[in-house]
Amino acid sequence: MSERTIDRQSRPRVLVVDDHEISRMSTVAALRETTVAVKEAQTFAEAKVLALRWLPTLICTDLDLGGECGLDLIRELRRDWPPARRPPAIIVISGYLDASAAPELAAMGVHCTLIKPLGPGELLRAVSAVSSRLAAPAPAIPPHRERMHELFERELERRLPKLDRLLDAYDLRAATQLLHKLVAASAICGNRRLERSFRELYETCRTRAQPESLASAYFRTLQAVEARPDEVEPE
């Protein structure tokens, strides 16, 4: 691996989330004048998918995302963030911020808040301050956690094809027994998103749902499996 590749992968990764195009372009342009790697998202859904795939070290988000709330985005990312990865720092950027929201923002792990309109200097000072705090070494992942992750990946590779065959044959009793193991494995390994998906499919099988409902639940489970962030997506 070249020094340039190592440098690109080690740079702070900043995700900018803002539905207002001019504001987003201004923020992204200012950040690209620095040494950070930058990606941008316009909508709640786009931001969540990109964040869980790219795993940014810092997220700059507006609170008003075209009718959706930036606070909800922060909550969902905190909930679904892979436990083996350090959660991202959060900078909230808003046109108006009620002082009463400060305790809730702090409790959600928001590092600082900025009020629009803001100049590039104010933004870059905030990003620099937060990045300095992120420079502290992350806690080491216990070896047993890494081993459990490897075992979980192998279990998915082994059991998912069998699950597909059981559901195709509408053998819901056997599918339920297999899903019980996947629910337990997901919970033990701390993958809450997959745990919820497998649990939903388990309940659908247990209640002997109609094929249409079963197919929908299975499709959502496959989406969750496909979207699990095993590693940082290369730039």
Protein backbone atom coordinates (compact mmCIF):
# COMPACT_ATOMS: atom_id res chain seq x y z
CA MET A 1 0.00 0.00 0.00
CA SER A 2 1.46 3.36 -1.04
CA GLU A 3 2.02 6.29 1.32
CA ARG A 4 -0.57 8.23 -0.65
CA THR A 5 -3.17 5.49 -0.14
CA ILE A 6 -2.43 5.32 3.59
CA ASP A 7 -2.74 9.09 3.84
CA ARG A 8 -6.10 9.07 2.01
CA GLN A 9 -7.49 6.38 4.30
CA SER A 10 -6.23 8.01 7.50
CA ARG A 11 -7.61 11.49 6.77
CA PRO A 12 -10.63 12.62 8.79
CA ARG A 13 -13.79 11.82 6.83
CA VAL A 14 -16.51 14.48 6.97
CA LEU A 15 -20.09 13.91 5.81
CA VAL A 16 -22.05 17.10 5.13
CA VAL A 17 -25.85 16.74 5.33
CA ASP A 18 -27.98 19.67 4.16
CA ASP A 19 -31.03 19.83 1.90
CA HIS A 20 -30.29 23.47 0.98
CA GLU A 21 -28.02 23.20 -2.06
CA ILE A 22 -26.24 26.55 -1.70
CA SER A 23 -25.52 26.02 1.99
CA ARG A 24 -24.30 22.49 1.34
CA MET A 25 -22.06 23.60 -1.54
CA SER A 26 -20.57 26.36 0.60
CA THR A 27 -19.79 23.98 3.46
CA VAL A 28 -18.33 21.32 1.17
CA ALA A 29 -16.21 23.88 -0.71
CA ALA A 30 -14.74 25.23 2.53
CA LEU A 31 -13.90 21.75 3.80
CA ARG A 32 -12.27 20.71 0.54
CA GLU A 33 -9.73 23.47 1.05
CA THR A 34 -8.43 21.47 4.02
CA THR A 35 -6.93 18.01 4.41
CA VAL A 36 -10.21 16.24 5.25
CA ALA A 37 -12.06 13.87 2.91
CA VAL A 38 -15.59 15.12 2.21
CA LYS A 39 -18.82 13.55 1.00
CA GLU A 40 -22.25 15.12 0.92
CA ALA A 41 -25.90 14.09 1.22
CA GLN A 42 -29.08 16.01 0.57
CA THR A 43 -31.78 13.84 2.16
CA PHE A 44 -32.26 11.93 5.41
CA ALA A 45 -32.31 8.56 3.63
CA GLU A 46 -29.26 9.33 1.49
CA ALA A 47 -27.33 10.54 4.54
CA LYS A 48 -28.10 7.44 6.60
CA VAL A 49 -27.11 4.98 3.87
CA LEU A 50 -23.90 6.86 3.06
CA ALA A 51 -22.94 7.28 6.73
CA LEU A 52 -23.33 3.57 7.51
CA ARG A 53 -21.31 2.61 4.42
CA TRP A 54 -18.55 5.23 4.54
CA LEU A 55 -18.35 5.51 8.35
CA PRO A 56 -17.30 9.18 8.56
CA THR A 57 -15.36 10.43 11.55
CA LEU A 58 -17.38 13.66 11.60
CA ILE A 59 -20.89 14.57 10.45
CA CYS A 60 -21.97 18.18 9.85
CA THR A 61 -25.75 18.16 9.62
CA ASP A 62 -28.53 20.69 9.35
CA LEU A 63 -31.49 20.18 11.68
CA ASP A 64 -34.15 20.80 9.02
CA LEU A 65 -33.73 18.28 6.21
CA GLY A 66 -36.64 19.20 3.99
CA GLY A 67 -39.32 18.25 6.49
CA GLU A 68 -37.25 15.54 8.19
CA CYS A 69 -35.26 16.16 11.36
CA GLY A 70 -31.51 16.05 11.68
CA LEU A 71 -31.94 14.97 15.29
CA ASP A 72 -33.73 11.83 14.10
CA LEU A 73 -30.82 11.14 11.77
CA ILE A 74 -28.38 11.43 14.68
CA ARG A 75 -30.52 9.11 16.83
CA GLU A 76 -30.74 6.45 14.12
CA LEU A 77 -27.03 6.59 13.37
CA ARG A 78 -26.18 6.28 17.08
CA ARG A 79 -28.52 3.28 17.25
CA ASP A 80 -27.26 1.50 14.12
CA TRP A 81 -23.56 2.41 14.26
CA PRO A 82 -21.35 -0.72 14.28
CA PRO A 83 -20.15 -1.29 17.86
CA ALA A 84 -16.59 -2.03 16.76
CA ARG A 85 -16.26 1.47 15.27
CA ARG A 86 -15.86 4.76 17.10
CA PRO A 87 -19.08 6.80 16.67
CA PRO A 88 -18.75 9.94 14.55
CA ALA A 89 -18.41 13.37 16.06
CA ILE A 90 -21.41 15.58 15.32
CA ILE A 91 -21.54 19.26 14.41
CA VAL A 92 -25.06 20.66 14.11
CA ILE A 93 -25.53 23.58 11.73
CA SER A 94 -28.89 25.35 11.87
CA GLY A 95 -30.54 28.61 10.92
CA TYR A 96 -32.11 28.76 14.36
CA LEU A 97 -31.39 26.84 17.52
CA ASP A 98 -33.57 27.05 20.61
CA ALA A 99 -31.45 27.24 23.76
CA SER A 100 -33.72 24.64 25.36
CA ALA A 101 -32.43 22.07 22.86
CA ALA A 102 -28.86 22.26 24.18
CA PRO A 103 -29.21 19.53 26.86
CA GLU A 104 -30.76 17.10 24.38
CA LEU A 105 -28.05 17.78 21.83
CA ALA A 106 -25.33 17.25 24.40
CA ALA A 107 -26.94 14.00 25.54
CA MET A 108 -26.93 12.81 21.91
CA GLY A 109 -23.20 13.40 21.64
CA VAL A 110 -23.30 16.59 19.58
CA HIS A 111 -19.86 18.19 19.90
CA CYS A 112 -20.81 21.73 18.89
CA THR A 113 -23.54 23.79 17.23
CA LEU A 114 -23.17 26.51 14.61
CA ILE A 115 -25.77 29.04 13.52
CA LYS A 116 -26.35 29.90 9.86
CA PRO A 117 -25.18 31.91 8.08
CA LEU A 118 -21.60 31.18 9.01
CA GLY A 119 -18.36 32.02 7.30
CA PRO A 120 -15.74 29.47 6.21
CA GLY A 121 -13.44 30.54 9.06
CA GLU A 122 -15.99 29.75 11.76
CA LEU A 123 -16.76 26.38 10.18
CA LEU A 124 -13.11 25.38 9.79
CA ARG A 125 -12.25 26.40 13.35
CA ALA A 126 -15.06 24.17 14.65
CA VAL A 127 -14.01 21.25 12.45
CA SER A 128 -10.37 21.69 13.52
CA ALA A 129 -11.34 21.72 17.21
CA VAL A 130 -13.47 18.59 16.87
CA SER A 131 -10.83 16.82 14.75
CA SER A 132 -8.22 17.49 17.44
CA ARG A 133 -10.42 15.74 19.96
CA LEU A 134 -10.81 12.81 17.58
CA ALA A 135 -7.03 12.46 17.28
CA ALA A 136 -6.89 10.65 20.63
CA PRO A 137 -6.36 6.91 20.11
CA ALA A 138 -9.58 4.90 19.92
CA PRO A 139 -10.00 2.14 22.49
CA ALA A 140 -8.54 -1.12 21.29
CA ILE A 141 -11.07 -3.72 20.16
CA PRO A 142 -10.80 -6.74 22.46
CA PRO A 143 -9.50 -9.79 20.58
CA HIS A 144 -12.58 -11.81 21.50
CA ARG A 145 -14.80 -9.22 19.79
CA GLU A 146 -12.83 -9.55 16.57
CA ARG A 147 -13.09 -13.33 16.82
CA MET A 148 -16.85 -13.13 17.41
CA HIS A 149 -17.23 -10.90 14.36
CA GLU A 150 -15.40 -13.46 12.21
CA LEU A 151 -17.59 -16.26 13.54
CA PHE A 152 -20.73 -14.23 12.90
CA GLU A 153 -19.72 -13.61 9.28
CA ARG A 154 -19.13 -17.33 8.81
CA GLU A 155 -22.50 -18.12 10.37
CA LEU A 156 -24.23 -15.77 7.93
CA GLU A 157 -22.43 -17.37 5.00
CA ARG A 158 -23.47 -20.83 6.20
CA ARG A 159 -27.06 -20.20 7.29
CA LEU A 160 -28.41 -17.66 4.79
CA PRO A 161 -28.44 -20.04 1.79
CA LYS A 162 -30.26 -22.62 3.92
CA LEU A 163 -32.75 -19.98 5.06
CA ASP A 164 -33.41 -19.06 1.45
CA ARG A 165 -34.19 -22.71 0.62
CA LEU A 166 -36.48 -23.12 3.63
CA LEU A 167 -38.47 -19.99 2.83
CA ASP A 168 -38.73 -20.97 -0.83
CA ALA A 169 -40.20 -24.31 0.30
CA TYR A 170 -42.44 -22.51 2.85
CA ASP A 171 -40.98 -24.66 5.62
CA LEU A 172 -41.66 -22.04 8.26
CA ARG A 173 -41.06 -24.31 11.24
CA ALA A 174 -37.47 -25.04 10.23
CA ALA A 175 -36.97 -21.41 9.12
CA THR A 176 -38.09 -20.20 12.54
CA GLN A 177 -35.60 -22.49 14.28
CA LEU A 178 -32.77 -21.21 12.07
CA LEU A 179 -33.79 -17.56 12.54
CA HIS A 180 -33.79 -18.04 16.31
CA LYS A 181 -30.05 -18.78 16.06
CA LEU A 182 -29.44 -15.76 13.81
CA VAL A 183 -31.31 -13.45 16.17
CA ALA A 184 -29.22 -14.68 19.09
CA ALA A 185 -25.93 -14.40 17.17
CA SER A 186 -26.74 -10.85 16.02
CA ALA A 187 -27.62 -9.78 19.56
CA ILE A 188 -24.49 -11.30 21.08
CA CYS A 189 -22.26 -9.64 18.46
CA GLY A 190 -23.95 -6.28 18.98
CA ASN A 191 -25.34 -5.89 15.46
CA ARG A 192 -28.65 -4.30 16.45
CA ARG A 193 -29.80 -3.62 12.93
CA LEU A 194 -29.49 -7.24 11.84
CA GLU A 195 -30.97 -8.40 15.12
CA ARG A 196 -34.12 -6.34 14.47
CA SER A 197 -34.36 -7.58 10.89
CA PHE A 198 -33.92 -11.22 11.80
CA ARG A 199 -36.39 -10.83 14.67
CA GLU A 200 -39.00 -9.30 12.36
CA LEU A 201 -38.59 -12.18 9.92
CA TYR A 202 -38.71 -14.67 12.81
CA GLU A 203 -42.06 -13.27 13.98
CA THR A 204 -43.38 -13.30 10.41
CA CYS A 205 -42.49 -16.97 10.06
CA ARG A 206 -43.76 -17.85 13.53
CA THR A 207 -47.20 -16.41 12.77
CA ARG A 208 -47.26 -18.26 9.42
CA ALA A 209 -47.81 -15.09 7.42
CA GLN A 210 -49.01 -15.14 3.84
CA PRO A 211 -46.33 -15.51 1.16
CA GLU A 212 -46.58 -11.82 0.20
CA SER A 213 -45.86 -10.63 3.75
CA LEU A 214 -43.15 -13.24 4.13
CA ALA A 215 -41.47 -12.11 0.91
CA SER A 216 -41.52 -8.46 2.02
CA ALA A 217 -39.99 -9.29 5.42
CA TYR A 218 -37.34 -11.46 3.79
CA PHE A 219 -36.47 -8.71 1.31
CA ARG A 220 -35.97 -6.21 4.16
CA THR A 221 -33.72 -8.72 5.92
CA LEU A 222 -31.59 -9.19 2.80
CA GLN A 223 -31.27 -5.40 2.52
CA ALA A 224 -30.04 -5.22 6.11
CA VAL A 225 -27.53 -8.00 5.48
CA GLU A 226 -26.29 -6.32 2.31
CA ALA A 227 -25.96 -2.90 3.99
CA ARG A 228 -24.00 -4.03 7.05
CA PRO A 229 -20.81 -1.92 7.20
CA ASP A 230 -18.02 -4.46 7.53
CA GLU A 231 -15.28 -2.09 6.49
CA VAL A 232 -14.70 1.50 5.44
CA GLU A 233 -15.73 2.09 1.87
CA PRO A 234 -12.76 3.27 -0.18
CA GLU A 235 -12.93 6.81 -1.52
